């Protein structure tokens, strides 16, 4: 396929994914509000799923098309990009204050989930197996069970916050502001958003794969970099907007929540549908993903007193640039 057409497919697929995620999130949020579900619950569930919808669309369609390296690389690369290349620059602009629950509960949970994913994905490293490394259907089910545990925790936090809001007779200022549409339009936005995500994910994957072949670049590296950046656009936009509006804790919560969804929900769903060989995604890539989360935890807990300062933001960004340079160097060897 012509390289220019592949680039147009890549950009067109990205646009469909981005707007599809927005339509899906806005429509679902409107329906939830009409059903009188708390705005906080909407933010902790529907909106969080919405920002991870592009990763789900790309990972699932890539796996179905037999491009598992893009599927897994997309999730691992997105998790790395979200922390190092989004929170790093945002903290450089303005220090980020981190919520207490994010520091002591959600970030440690993400570290644990990342370790579990590494163990499940690197069979030859941890089990001494002579076969290939693969995230099997059984592994996918384990990840989905972890996801349901996380959702249970999320709803517990939501119910607790709702009780506090009722006691104060006011809604939390951090609860997302929801625009309510008519029933018909809300349902149409959900269905249209899903259709755009599926078609956009398919188009994006084909474009990225063709570009990789044309340039002689491994699909795994395309997944770890270009595709990861593309599917992280919602998180990037959400974090920048939240930080500019003075809701730094929401910016970090969005990133941490999205990474959790990527790790246990998206890979869980994808592996349950079709097992994912980890060819091209090494233990080093998984290690960088965990390093990013550990750095975030250390900066919020030990050095910044639950605040990511400019120096720490610079370290996060520098780590991402070093990792990307290493990927390029490996490709040139």
C-alpha atoms as a PDB file:
ATOM      1  CA  UNK A   1       0.000   0.000   0.000  1.00  0.00           C
ATOM      2  CA  UNK A   2       1.171   3.536  -0.771  1.00  0.00           C
ATOM      3  CA  UNK A   3       2.926   5.149   2.220  1.00  0.00           C
ATOM      4  CA  UNK A   4       0.894   8.350   1.909  1.00  0.00           C
ATOM      5  CA  UNK A   5      -2.366   6.371   2.047  1.00  0.00           C
ATOM      6  CA  UNK A   6      -1.095   4.501   5.104  1.00  0.00           C
ATOM      7  CA  UNK A   7      -0.322   7.797   6.864  1.00  0.00           C
ATOM      8  CA  UNK A   8      -3.810   9.113   5.999  1.00  0.00           C
ATOM      9  CA  UNK A   9      -5.334   5.905   7.378  1.00  0.00           C
ATOM     10  CA  UNK A  10      -3.270   6.296  10.556  1.00  0.00           C
ATOM     11  CA  UNK A  11      -4.377   9.913  11.079  1.00  0.00           C
ATOM     12  CA  UNK A  12      -7.968   9.223  10.034  1.00  0.00           C
ATOM     13  CA  UNK A  13      -8.185   6.250  12.384  1.00  0.00           C
ATOM     14  CA  UNK A  14      -6.781   8.360  15.203  1.00  0.00           C
ATOM     15  CA  UNK A  15      -9.392  11.067  14.603  1.00  0.00           C
ATOM     16  CA  UNK A  16     -12.208   8.494  14.607  1.00  0.00           C
ATOM     17  CA  UNK A  17     -10.855   6.958  17.820  1.00  0.00           C
ATOM     18  CA  UNK A  18     -10.549  10.322  19.551  1.00  0.00           C
ATOM     19  CA  UNK A  19     -14.009  11.615  18.631  1.00  0.00           C
ATOM     20  CA  UNK A  20     -15.573   8.194  19.081  1.00  0.00           C
ATOM     21  CA  UNK A  21     -14.256   8.052  22.654  1.00  0.00           C
ATOM     22  CA  UNK A  22     -15.682  11.526  23.314  1.00  0.00           C
ATOM     23  CA  UNK A  23     -19.119  10.659  21.892  1.00  0.00           C
ATOM     24  CA  UNK A  24     -19.212   7.392  23.840  1.00  0.00           C
ATOM     25  CA  UNK A  25     -18.212   9.052  27.105  1.00  0.00           C
ATOM     26  CA  UNK A  26     -20.563  12.031  26.737  1.00  0.00           C
ATOM     27  CA  UNK A  27     -23.514   9.885  25.671  1.00  0.00           C
ATOM     28  CA  UNK A  28     -23.011   7.314  28.428  1.00  0.00           C
ATOM     29  CA  UNK A  29     -22.529  10.061  31.018  1.00  0.00           C
ATOM     30  CA  UNK A  30     -25.767  11.742  29.882  1.00  0.00           C
ATOM     31  CA  UNK A  31     -27.679   8.454  30.218  1.00  0.00           C
ATOM     32  CA  UNK A  32     -26.195   7.857  33.669  1.00  0.00           C
ATOM     33  CA  UNK A  33     -27.159  11.377  34.774  1.00  0.00           C
ATOM     34  CA  UNK A  34     -30.716  10.898  33.464  1.00  0.00           C
ATOM     35  CA  UNK A  35     -30.885   7.707  35.524  1.00  0.00           C
ATOM     36  CA  UNK A  36     -29.821   9.816  38.545  1.00  0.00           C
ATOM     37  CA  UNK A  37     -26.471   8.115  39.028  1.00  0.00           C
ATOM     38  CA  UNK A  38     -23.950  10.197  40.972  1.00  0.00           C
ATOM     39  CA  UNK A  39     -21.569  12.349  38.973  1.00  0.00           C
ATOM     40  CA  UNK A  40     -18.703  10.942  41.034  1.00  0.00           C
ATOM     41  CA  UNK A  41     -19.634   7.379  40.032  1.00  0.00           C
ATOM     42  CA  UNK A  42     -19.738   8.512  36.404  1.00  0.00           C
ATOM     43  CA  UNK A  43     -16.250   9.973  36.700  1.00  0.00           C
ATOM     44  CA  UNK A  44     -14.803   6.896  38.372  1.00  0.00           C
ATOM     45  CA  UNK A  45     -16.303   4.426  35.907  1.00  0.00           C
ATOM     46  CA  UNK A  46     -17.736   5.604  32.586  1.00  0.00           C
ATOM     47  CA  UNK A  47     -15.329   8.493  31.998  1.00  0.00           C
ATOM     48  CA  UNK A  48     -12.342   6.347  33.021  1.00  0.00           C
ATOM     49  CA  UNK A  49     -13.405   3.608  30.601  1.00  0.00           C
ATOM     50  CA  UNK A  50     -13.989   6.245  27.924  1.00  0.00           C
ATOM     51  CA  UNK A  51     -10.410   7.560  28.043  1.00  0.00           C
ATOM     52  CA  UNK A  52      -9.133   3.979  27.740  1.00  0.00           C
ATOM     53  CA  UNK A  53     -11.529   3.126  24.889  1.00  0.00           C
ATOM     54  CA  UNK A  54      -8.962   3.939  22.138  1.00  0.00           C
ATOM     55  CA  UNK A  55      -6.461   1.473  23.647  1.00  0.00           C
ATOM     56  CA  UNK A  56      -9.216  -1.156  23.795  1.00  0.00           C
ATOM     57  CA  UNK A  57     -10.252  -0.547  20.175  1.00  0.00           C
ATOM     58  CA  UNK A  58      -6.678  -0.721  18.851  1.00  0.00           C
ATOM     59  CA  UNK A  59      -5.568  -3.669  21.024  1.00  0.00           C
ATOM     60  CA  UNK A  60      -8.609  -5.801  20.252  1.00  0.00           C
ATOM     61  CA  UNK A  61      -8.642  -5.142  16.510  1.00  0.00           C
ATOM     62  CA  UNK A  62      -4.861  -5.621  16.283  1.00  0.00           C
ATOM     63  CA  UNK A  63      -5.076  -9.004  18.031  1.00  0.00           C
ATOM     64  CA  UNK A  64      -7.955 -10.154  15.826  1.00  0.00           C
ATOM     65  CA  UNK A  65      -5.967  -9.155  12.728  1.00  0.00           C
ATOM     66  CA  UNK A  66      -2.979 -11.179  13.940  1.00  0.00           C
ATOM     67  CA  UNK A  67      -0.871  -8.130  14.842  1.00  0.00           C
ATOM     68  CA  UNK A  68      -0.376  -9.066  18.494  1.00  0.00           C
ATOM     69  CA  UNK A  69       2.851  -7.049  18.804  1.00  0.00           C
ATOM     70  CA  UNK A  70       0.910  -3.843  18.141  1.00  0.00           C
ATOM     71  CA  UNK A  71      -1.833  -4.982  20.533  1.00  0.00           C
ATOM     72  CA  UNK A  72       0.458  -5.569  23.515  1.00  0.00           C
ATOM     73  CA  UNK A  73       2.917  -2.818  22.607  1.00  0.00           C
ATOM     74  CA  UNK A  74       0.022  -0.350  22.550  1.00  0.00           C
ATOM     75  CA  UNK A  75      -0.879  -1.055  26.183  1.00  0.00           C
ATOM     76  CA  UNK A  76       2.687  -1.208  27.516  1.00  0.00           C
ATOM     77  CA  UNK A  77       3.686   1.860  25.498  1.00  0.00           C
ATOM     78  CA  UNK A  78       0.586   3.800  26.564  1.00  0.00           C
ATOM     79  CA  UNK A  79       1.256   3.094  30.238  1.00  0.00           C
ATOM     80  CA  UNK A  80       4.846   4.313  29.842  1.00  0.00           C
ATOM     81  CA  UNK A  81       3.792   7.364  27.813  1.00  0.00           C
ATOM     82  CA  UNK A  82       0.981   8.324  30.210  1.00  0.00           C
ATOM     83  CA  UNK A  83       3.283   8.673  33.219  1.00  0.00           C
ATOM     84  CA  UNK A  84       6.577   9.778  31.709  1.00  0.00           C
ATOM     85  CA  UNK A  85       5.531  11.835  28.683  1.00  0.00           C
ATOM     86  CA  UNK A  86       2.269  13.316  30.004  1.00  0.00           C
ATOM     87  CA  UNK A  87       2.747  13.860  33.746  1.00  0.00           C
ATOM     88  CA  UNK A  88       6.396  14.851  33.189  1.00  0.00           C
ATOM     89  CA  UNK A  89       5.722  17.860  30.926  1.00  0.00           C
ATOM     90  CA  UNK A  90       2.559  18.819  32.858  1.00  0.00           C
ATOM     91  CA  UNK A  91       4.601  18.927  36.099  1.00  0.00           C
ATOM     92  CA  UNK A  92       7.232  21.045  34.325  1.00  0.00           C
ATOM     93  CA  UNK A  93       4.533  23.622  33.614  1.00  0.00           C
ATOM     94  CA  UNK A  94       3.097  23.534  37.136  1.00  0.00           C
ATOM     95  CA  UNK A  95       3.737  21.259  40.180  1.00  0.00           C
ATOM     96  CA  UNK A  96       1.050  18.591  40.597  1.00  0.00           C
ATOM     97  CA  UNK A  97      -0.581  17.895  43.945  1.00  0.00           C
ATOM     98  CA  UNK A  98      -1.555  14.249  44.410  1.00  0.00           C
ATOM     99  CA  UNK A  99      -4.633  13.023  46.272  1.00  0.00           C
ATOM    100  CA  UNK A 100      -3.968  10.932  49.392  1.00  0.00           C
ATOM    101  CA  UNK A 101      -5.872   7.871  48.113  1.00  0.00           C
ATOM    102  CA  UNK A 102      -3.971   7.998  44.814  1.00  0.00           C
ATOM    103  CA  UNK A 103      -0.611   7.918  46.627  1.00  0.00           C
ATOM    104  CA  UNK A 104      -1.402   5.245  49.208  1.00  0.00           C
ATOM    105  CA  UNK A 105      -3.897   3.010  47.368  1.00  0.00           C
ATOM    106  CA  UNK A 106      -4.220   3.426  43.608  1.00  0.00           C
ATOM    107  CA  UNK A 107      -0.544   3.803  42.633  1.00  0.00           C
ATOM    108  CA  UNK A 108       0.488   0.775  44.764  1.00  0.00           C
ATOM    109  CA  UNK A 109      -2.376  -1.166  43.153  1.00  0.00           C
ATOM    110  CA  UNK A 110      -1.015  -0.241  39.710  1.00  0.00           C
ATOM    111  CA  UNK A 111       2.455  -1.457  40.741  1.00  0.00           C
ATOM    112  CA  UNK A 112       0.992  -4.792  41.894  1.00  0.00           C
ATOM    113  CA  UNK A 113      -1.049  -5.203  38.700  1.00  0.00           C
ATOM    114  CA  UNK A 114       2.047  -4.427  36.594  1.00  0.00           C
ATOM    115  CA  UNK A 115       4.084  -7.081  38.436  1.00  0.00           C
ATOM    116  CA  UNK A 116       1.300  -9.635  37.920  1.00  0.00           C
ATOM    117  CA  UNK A 117       1.175  -8.801  34.198  1.00  0.00           C
ATOM    118  CA  UNK A 118       4.952  -9.264  33.921  1.00  0.00           C
ATOM    119  CA  UNK A 119       4.719 -12.688  35.593  1.00  0.00           C
ATOM    120  CA  UNK A 120       1.831 -13.768  33.348  1.00  0.00           C
ATOM    121  CA  UNK A 121       3.485 -12.499  30.154  1.00  0.00           C
ATOM    122  CA  UNK A 122       7.069 -13.743  30.703  1.00  0.00           C
ATOM    123  CA  UNK A 123       6.513 -17.503  30.990  1.00  0.00           C
ATOM    124  CA  UNK A 124      10.081 -18.461  30.093  1.00  0.00           C
ATOM    125  CA  UNK A 125      11.513 -16.016  32.645  1.00  0.00           C
ATOM    126  CA  UNK A 126       9.432 -17.060  35.656  1.00  0.00           C
ATOM    127  CA  UNK A 127       8.347 -20.621  34.877  1.00  0.00           C
ATOM    128  CA  UNK A 128      11.363 -21.924  32.962  1.00  0.00           C
ATOM    129  CA  UNK A 129       9.021 -22.957  30.178  1.00  0.00           C
ATOM    130  CA  UNK A 130      10.583 -24.022  26.880  1.00  0.00           C
ATOM    131  CA  UNK A 131       7.645 -22.598  24.926  1.00  0.00           C
ATOM    132  CA  UNK A 132       6.938 -19.084  23.765  1.00  0.00           C
ATOM    133  CA  UNK A 133       5.934 -16.235  26.071  1.00  0.00           C
ATOM    134  CA  UNK A 134       2.191 -15.700  25.797  1.00  0.00           C
ATOM    135  CA  UNK A 135      -0.708 -14.070  27.661  1.00  0.00           C
ATOM    136  CA  UNK A 136      -3.160 -16.977  27.508  1.00  0.00           C
ATOM    137  CA  UNK A 137      -6.941 -17.012  27.876  1.00  0.00           C
ATOM    138  CA  UNK A 138      -6.445 -18.190  31.457  1.00  0.00           C
ATOM    139  CA  UNK A 139      -4.165 -15.207  32.085  1.00  0.00           C
ATOM    140  CA  UNK A 140      -6.809 -12.951  30.543  1.00  0.00           C
ATOM    141  CA  UNK A 141      -9.428 -14.293  32.947  1.00  0.00           C
ATOM    142  CA  UNK A 142      -7.070 -13.637  35.889  1.00  0.00           C
ATOM    143  CA  UNK A 143      -6.647 -10.029  34.713  1.00  0.00           C
ATOM    144  CA  UNK A 144     -10.425  -9.608  34.394  1.00  0.00           C
ATOM    145  CA  UNK A 145     -10.912 -10.929  37.942  1.00  0.00           C
ATOM    146  CA  UNK A 146      -8.447  -8.279  39.134  1.00  0.00           C
ATOM    147  CA  UNK A 147     -10.450  -5.709  37.168  1.00  0.00           C
ATOM    148  CA  UNK A 148     -13.689  -6.665  38.927  1.00  0.00           C
ATOM    149  CA  UNK A 149     -11.883  -6.355  42.270  1.00  0.00           C
ATOM    150  CA  UNK A 150     -10.729  -2.869  41.279  1.00  0.00           C
ATOM    151  CA  UNK A 151     -14.237  -1.891  40.164  1.00  0.00           C
ATOM    152  CA  UNK A 152     -15.595  -3.096  43.519  1.00  0.00           C
ATOM    153  CA  UNK A 153     -13.069  -0.878  45.273  1.00  0.00           C
ATOM    154  CA  UNK A 154     -14.035   2.029  42.991  1.00  0.00           C
ATOM    155  CA  UNK A 155     -17.724   1.705  43.840  1.00  0.00           C
ATOM    156  CA  UNK A 156     -16.882   1.468  47.538  1.00  0.00           C
ATOM    157  CA  UNK A 157     -15.014   4.778  47.291  1.00  0.00           C
ATOM    158  CA  UNK A 158     -17.887   6.237  45.283  1.00  0.00           C
ATOM    159  CA  UNK A 159     -20.519   5.223  47.862  1.00  0.00           C
ATOM    160  CA  UNK A 160     -18.374   6.640  50.653  1.00  0.00           C
ATOM    161  CA  UNK A 161     -18.014   9.951  48.788  1.00  0.00           C
ATOM    162  CA  UNK A 162     -21.742  10.062  48.047  1.00  0.00           C
ATOM    163  CA  UNK A 163     -22.542   9.654  51.739  1.00  0.00           C
ATOM    164  CA  UNK A 164     -20.140  12.490  52.578  1.00  0.00           C
ATOM    165  CA  UNK A 165     -21.697  14.698  49.886  1.00  0.00           C
ATOM    166  CA  UNK A 166     -25.176  14.032  51.223  1.00  0.00           C
ATOM    167  CA  UNK A 167     -24.040  14.796  54.751  1.00  0.00           C
ATOM    168  CA  UNK A 168     -22.663  18.122  53.538  1.00  0.00           C
ATOM    169  CA  UNK A 169     -25.671  18.588  51.221  1.00  0.00           C
ATOM    170  CA  UNK A 170     -23.335  19.456  48.372  1.00  0.00           C
ATOM    171  CA  UNK A 171     -21.674  17.699  45.452  1.00  0.00           C
ATOM    172  CA  UNK A 172     -17.926  17.285  45.394  1.00  0.00           C
ATOM    173  CA  UNK A 173     -16.263  20.118  43.446  1.00  0.00           C
ATOM    174  CA  UNK A 174     -14.114  17.487  41.703  1.00  0.00           C
ATOM    175  CA  UNK A 175     -17.151  15.626  40.364  1.00  0.00           C
ATOM    176  CA  UNK A 176     -17.255  15.950  36.575  1.00  0.00           C
ATOM    177  CA  UNK A 177     -19.741  18.411  35.100  1.00  0.00           C
ATOM    178  CA  UNK A 178     -22.117  16.442  32.899  1.00  0.00           C
ATOM    179  CA  UNK A 179     -24.088  17.872  29.985  1.00  0.00           C
ATOM    180  CA  UNK A 180     -27.453  16.127  29.674  1.00  0.00           C
ATOM    181  CA  UNK A 181     -28.846  15.330  26.219  1.00  0.00           C
ATOM    182  CA  UNK A 182     -32.178  13.817  25.155  1.00  0.00           C
ATOM    183  CA  UNK A 183     -32.596  10.049  25.445  1.00  0.00           C
ATOM    184  CA  UNK A 184     -32.494   9.511  21.687  1.00  0.00           C
ATOM    185  CA  UNK A 185     -29.394  11.616  21.149  1.00  0.00           C
ATOM    186  CA  UNK A 186     -27.637  10.043  24.147  1.00  0.00           C
ATOM    187  CA  UNK A 187     -28.224   6.511  22.836  1.00  0.00           C
ATOM    188  CA  UNK A 188     -27.183   7.574  19.329  1.00  0.00           C
ATOM    189  CA  UNK A 189     -23.946   9.065  20.726  1.00  0.00           C
ATOM    190  CA  UNK A 190     -23.136   5.794  22.522  1.00  0.00           C
ATOM    191  CA  UNK A 191     -23.807   3.632  19.452  1.00  0.00           C
ATOM    192  CA  UNK A 192     -22.088   6.076  17.098  1.00  0.00           C
ATOM    193  CA  UNK A 193     -19.088   6.345  19.419  1.00  0.00           C
ATOM    194  CA  UNK A 194     -18.725   2.565  19.560  1.00  0.00           C
ATOM    195  CA  UNK A 195     -18.935   2.311  15.763  1.00  0.00           C
ATOM    196  CA  UNK A 196     -16.292   5.029  15.340  1.00  0.00           C
ATOM    197  CA  UNK A 197     -14.001   3.276  17.833  1.00  0.00           C
ATOM    198  CA  UNK A 198     -14.271  -0.077  16.068  1.00  0.00           C
ATOM    199  CA  UNK A 199     -13.797   1.347  12.563  1.00  0.00           C
ATOM    200  CA  UNK A 200     -11.138   3.807  13.714  1.00  0.00           C
ATOM    201  CA  UNK A 201      -9.226   1.101  15.586  1.00  0.00           C
ATOM    202  CA  UNK A 202      -9.235  -1.113  12.501  1.00  0.00           C
ATOM    203  CA  UNK A 203      -8.112   1.743  10.202  1.00  0.00           C
ATOM    204  CA  UNK A 204      -5.419   2.905  12.645  1.00  0.00           C
ATOM    205  CA  UNK A 205      -4.004  -0.616  12.994  1.00  0.00           C
ATOM    206  CA  UNK A 206      -3.813  -1.190   9.235  1.00  0.00           C
ATOM    207  CA  UNK A 207      -2.112   2.182   8.702  1.00  0.00           C
ATOM    208  CA  UNK A 208       0.416   1.628  11.503  1.00  0.00           C
ATOM    209  CA  UNK A 209       1.219  -1.884  10.312  1.00  0.00           C
ATOM    210  CA  UNK A 210       1.742  -0.765   6.708  1.00  0.00           C
ATOM    211  CA  UNK A 211       3.997   2.102   7.822  1.00  0.00           C
ATOM    212  CA  UNK A 212       6.035  -0.315   9.934  1.00  0.00           C
ATOM    213  CA  UNK A 213       6.555  -2.658   7.006  1.00  0.00           C
ATOM    214  CA  UNK A 214       7.356   0.182   4.590  1.00  0.00           C
ATOM    215  CA  UNK A 215      10.010   1.628   6.915  1.00  0.00           C
ATOM    216  CA  UNK A 216      11.363  -1.747   7.991  1.00  0.00           C
ATOM    217  CA  UNK A 217      10.429  -1.039  11.624  1.00  0.00           C
ATOM    218  CA  UNK A 218       9.244  -3.826  13.904  1.00  0.00           C
ATOM    219  CA  UNK A 219       5.517  -3.707  14.669  1.00  0.00           C
ATOM    220  CA  UNK A 220       6.314  -4.009  18.376  1.00  0.00           C
ATOM    221  CA  UNK A 221       8.257  -0.722  18.301  1.00  0.00           C
ATOM    222  CA  UNK A 222       5.452   0.985  16.347  1.00  0.00           C
ATOM    223  CA  UNK A 223       3.058  -0.198  19.052  1.00  0.00           C
ATOM    224  CA  UNK A 224       5.329   0.995  21.852  1.00  0.00           C
ATOM    225  CA  UNK A 225       5.724   4.478  20.368  1.00  0.00           C
ATOM    226  CA  UNK A 226       3.490   5.769  17.566  1.00  0.00           C
ATOM    227  CA  UNK A 227       0.357   3.775  18.397  1.00  0.00           C
ATOM    228  CA  UNK A 228       0.851   4.350  22.126  1.00  0.00           C
ATOM    229  CA  UNK A 229       1.024   8.102  21.557  1.00  0.00           C
ATOM    230  CA  UNK A 230      -2.062   8.079  19.349  1.00  0.00           C
ATOM    231  CA  UNK A 231      -4.250   6.176  21.772  1.00  0.00           C
ATOM    232  CA  UNK A 232      -3.058   8.307  24.707  1.00  0.00           C
ATOM    233  CA  UNK A 233      -4.491  11.498  23.182  1.00  0.00           C
ATOM    234  CA  UNK A 234      -7.624  11.424  25.447  1.00  0.00           C
ATOM    235  CA  UNK A 235      -5.482  11.073  28.573  1.00  0.00           C
ATOM    236  CA  UNK A 236      -3.183  13.847  27.356  1.00  0.00           C
ATOM    237  CA  UNK A 237      -6.070  16.232  26.696  1.00  0.00           C
ATOM    238  CA  UNK A 238      -7.856  15.368  29.950  1.00  0.00           C
ATOM    239  CA  UNK A 239      -4.724  15.828  32.083  1.00  0.00           C
ATOM    240  CA  UNK A 240      -3.752  19.157  30.528  1.00  0.00           C
ATOM    241  CA  UNK A 241      -7.289  20.549  30.853  1.00  0.00           C
ATOM    242  CA  UNK A 242      -7.632  19.303  34.448  1.00  0.00           C
ATOM    243  CA  UNK A 243      -4.257  20.796  35.440  1.00  0.00           C
ATOM    244  CA  UNK A 244      -5.079  24.145  33.786  1.00  0.00           C
ATOM    245  CA  UNK A 245      -8.349  24.285  35.720  1.00  0.00           C
ATOM    246  CA  UNK A 246      -6.532  23.698  39.010  1.00  0.00           C
ATOM    247  CA  UNK A 247      -7.560  20.053  39.423  1.00  0.00           C
ATOM    248  CA  UNK A 248      -4.070  18.518  39.458  1.00  0.00           C
ATOM    249  CA  UNK A 249      -5.259  15.539  41.503  1.00  0.00           C
ATOM    250  CA  UNK A 250      -7.761  14.758  38.756  1.00  0.00           C
ATOM    251  CA  UNK A 251      -4.967  14.883  36.153  1.00  0.00           C
ATOM    252  CA  UNK A 252      -2.933  12.280  38.035  1.00  0.00           C
ATOM    253  CA  UNK A 253      -5.994  10.217  38.965  1.00  0.00           C
ATOM    254  CA  UNK A 254      -6.946  10.094  35.296  1.00  0.00           C
ATOM    255  CA  UNK A 255      -3.513   8.760  34.318  1.00  0.00           C
ATOM    256  CA  UNK A 256      -3.312   6.190  37.119  1.00  0.00           C
ATOM    257  CA  UNK A 257      -6.882   5.019  36.523  1.00  0.00           C
ATOM    258  CA  UNK A 258      -6.298   4.744  32.782  1.00  0.00           C
ATOM    259  CA  UNK A 259      -3.127   2.687  33.313  1.00  0.00           C
ATOM    260  CA  UNK A 260      -5.014   0.320  35.609  1.00  0.00           C
ATOM    261  CA  UNK A 261      -7.753  -0.109  33.001  1.00  0.00           C
ATOM    262  CA  UNK A 262      -5.128  -0.703  30.299  1.00  0.00           C
ATOM    263  CA  UNK A 263      -3.278  -3.328  32.329  1.00  0.00           C
ATOM    264  CA  UNK A 264      -6.077  -5.479  33.680  1.00  0.00           C
ATOM    265  CA  UNK A 265      -9.193  -4.665  31.633  1.00  0.00           C
ATOM    266  CA  UNK A 266      -7.965  -4.130  28.075  1.00  0.00           C
ATOM    267  CA  UNK A 267      -5.367  -6.909  28.118  1.00  0.00           C
ATOM    268  CA  UNK A 268      -7.807  -9.094  30.043  1.00  0.00           C
ATOM    269  CA  UNK A 269     -10.520  -8.673  27.407  1.00  0.00           C
ATOM    270  CA  UNK A 270      -8.093  -9.013  24.498  1.00  0.00           C
ATOM    271  CA  UNK A 271      -6.349 -12.137  25.830  1.00  0.00           C
ATOM    272  CA  UNK A 272      -9.688 -13.779  26.682  1.00  0.00           C
ATOM    273  CA  UNK A 273     -10.852 -13.270  23.094  1.00  0.00           C
ATOM    274  CA  UNK A 274      -7.523 -14.296  21.574  1.00  0.00           C
ATOM    275  CA  UNK A 275      -4.262 -15.256  23.381  1.00  0.00           C
ATOM    276  CA  UNK A 276      -1.497 -12.643  22.917  1.00  0.00           C
ATOM    277  CA  UNK A 277       2.076 -13.763  22.152  1.00  0.00           C
ATOM    278  CA  UNK A 278       4.537 -11.294  23.685  1.00  0.00           C
ATOM    279  CA  UNK A 279       6.987 -11.503  20.773  1.00  0.00           C
ATOM    280  CA  UNK A 280       8.792  -8.174  20.366  1.00  0.00           C
ATOM    281  CA  UNK A 281       7.773  -6.886  23.818  1.00  0.00           C
ATOM    282  CA  UNK A 282      10.630  -7.734  26.167  1.00  0.00           C
ATOM    283  CA  UNK A 283      11.046  -7.934  29.918  1.00  0.00           C
ATOM    284  CA  UNK A 284      12.929  -4.638  29.599  1.00  0.00           C
ATOM    285  CA  UNK A 285       9.812  -2.924  28.185  1.00  0.00           C
ATOM    286  CA  UNK A 286       7.729  -4.281  31.049  1.00  0.00           C
ATOM    287  CA  UNK A 287      10.474  -3.151  33.419  1.00  0.00           C
ATOM    288  CA  UNK A 288      10.329   0.418  32.102  1.00  0.00           C
ATOM    289  CA  UNK A 289       6.558   0.370  32.553  1.00  0.00           C
ATOM    290  CA  UNK A 290       6.993  -0.626  36.203  1.00  0.00           C
ATOM    291  CA  UNK A 291       9.878   1.833  36.679  1.00  0.00           C
ATOM    292  CA  UNK A 292       7.623   4.685  35.533  1.00  0.00           C
ATOM    293  CA  UNK A 293       5.004   3.751  38.129  1.00  0.00           C
ATOM    294  CA  UNK A 294       7.613   3.291  40.884  1.00  0.00           C
ATOM    295  CA  UNK A 295       9.127   6.705  40.104  1.00  0.00           C
ATOM    296  CA  UNK A 296       5.665   8.252  40.349  1.00  0.00           C
ATOM    297  CA  UNK A 297       5.125   6.533  43.702  1.00  0.00           C
ATOM    298  CA  UNK A 298       8.512   7.598  45.071  1.00  0.00           C
ATOM    299  CA  UNK A 299       8.095  11.217  43.967  1.00  0.00           C
ATOM    300  CA  UNK A 300       4.659  11.510  45.582  1.00  0.00           C
ATOM    301  CA  UNK A 301       5.482   9.600  48.762  1.00  0.00           C
ATOM    302  CA  UNK A 302       9.083  10.387  49.680  1.00  0.00           C
ATOM    303  CA  UNK A 303      10.308  13.519  47.943  1.00  0.00           C
ATOM    304  CA  UNK A 304       7.447  15.803  47.048  1.00  0.00           C
ATOM    305  CA  UNK A 305       5.094  15.273  50.003  1.00  0.00           C
ATOM    306  CA  UNK A 306       2.331  14.133  47.620  1.00  0.00           C
ATOM    307  CA  UNK A 307       3.440  16.649  45.015  1.00  0.00           C
ATOM    308  CA  UNK A 308       5.273  16.187  41.723  1.00  0.00           C
ATOM    309  CA  UNK A 309       7.613  19.153  41.384  1.00  0.00           C
ATOM    310  CA  UNK A 310       9.266  20.552  38.256  1.00  0.00           C
ATOM    311  CA  UNK A 311      12.555  18.720  38.843  1.00  0.00           C
ATOM    312  CA  UNK A 312      10.697  15.437  39.198  1.00  0.00           C
ATOM    313  CA  UNK A 313       8.708  16.225  36.071  1.00  0.00           C
ATOM    314  CA  UNK A 314      11.982  16.729  34.235  1.00  0.00           C
ATOM    315  CA  UNK A 315      13.249  13.337  35.466  1.00  0.00           C
ATOM    316  CA  UNK A 316      10.062  11.640  34.217  1.00  0.00           C
ATOM    317  CA  UNK A 317      10.353  13.266  30.777  1.00  0.00           C
ATOM    318  CA  UNK A 318      14.102  12.546  30.561  1.00  0.00           C
ATOM    319  CA  UNK A 319      13.417   8.884  31.364  1.00  0.00           C
ATOM    320  CA  UNK A 320      10.939   8.680  28.491  1.00  0.00           C
ATOM    321  CA  UNK A 321      13.371  10.317  26.061  1.00  0.00           C
ATOM    322  CA  UNK A 322      16.102   7.876  27.140  1.00  0.00           C
ATOM    323  CA  UNK A 323      13.777   4.897  26.650  1.00  0.00           C
ATOM    324  CA  UNK A 324      12.672   6.102  23.204  1.00  0.00           C
ATOM    325  CA  UNK A 325      16.305   6.640  22.203  1.00  0.00           C
ATOM    326  CA  UNK A 326      17.088   3.085  23.305  1.00  0.00           C
ATOM    327  CA  UNK A 327      14.222   1.734  21.171  1.00  0.00           C
ATOM    328  CA  UNK A 328      15.491   3.587  18.113  1.00  0.00           C
ATOM    329  CA  UNK A 329      19.060   2.403  18.756  1.00  0.00           C
ATOM    330  CA  UNK A 330      17.867  -1.209  19.022  1.00  0.00           C
ATOM    331  CA  UNK A 331      16.111  -0.854  15.692  1.00  0.00           C
ATOM    332  CA  UNK A 332      19.285   0.429  14.016  1.00  0.00           C
ATOM    333  CA  UNK A 333      21.478  -2.395  15.327  1.00  0.00           C
END
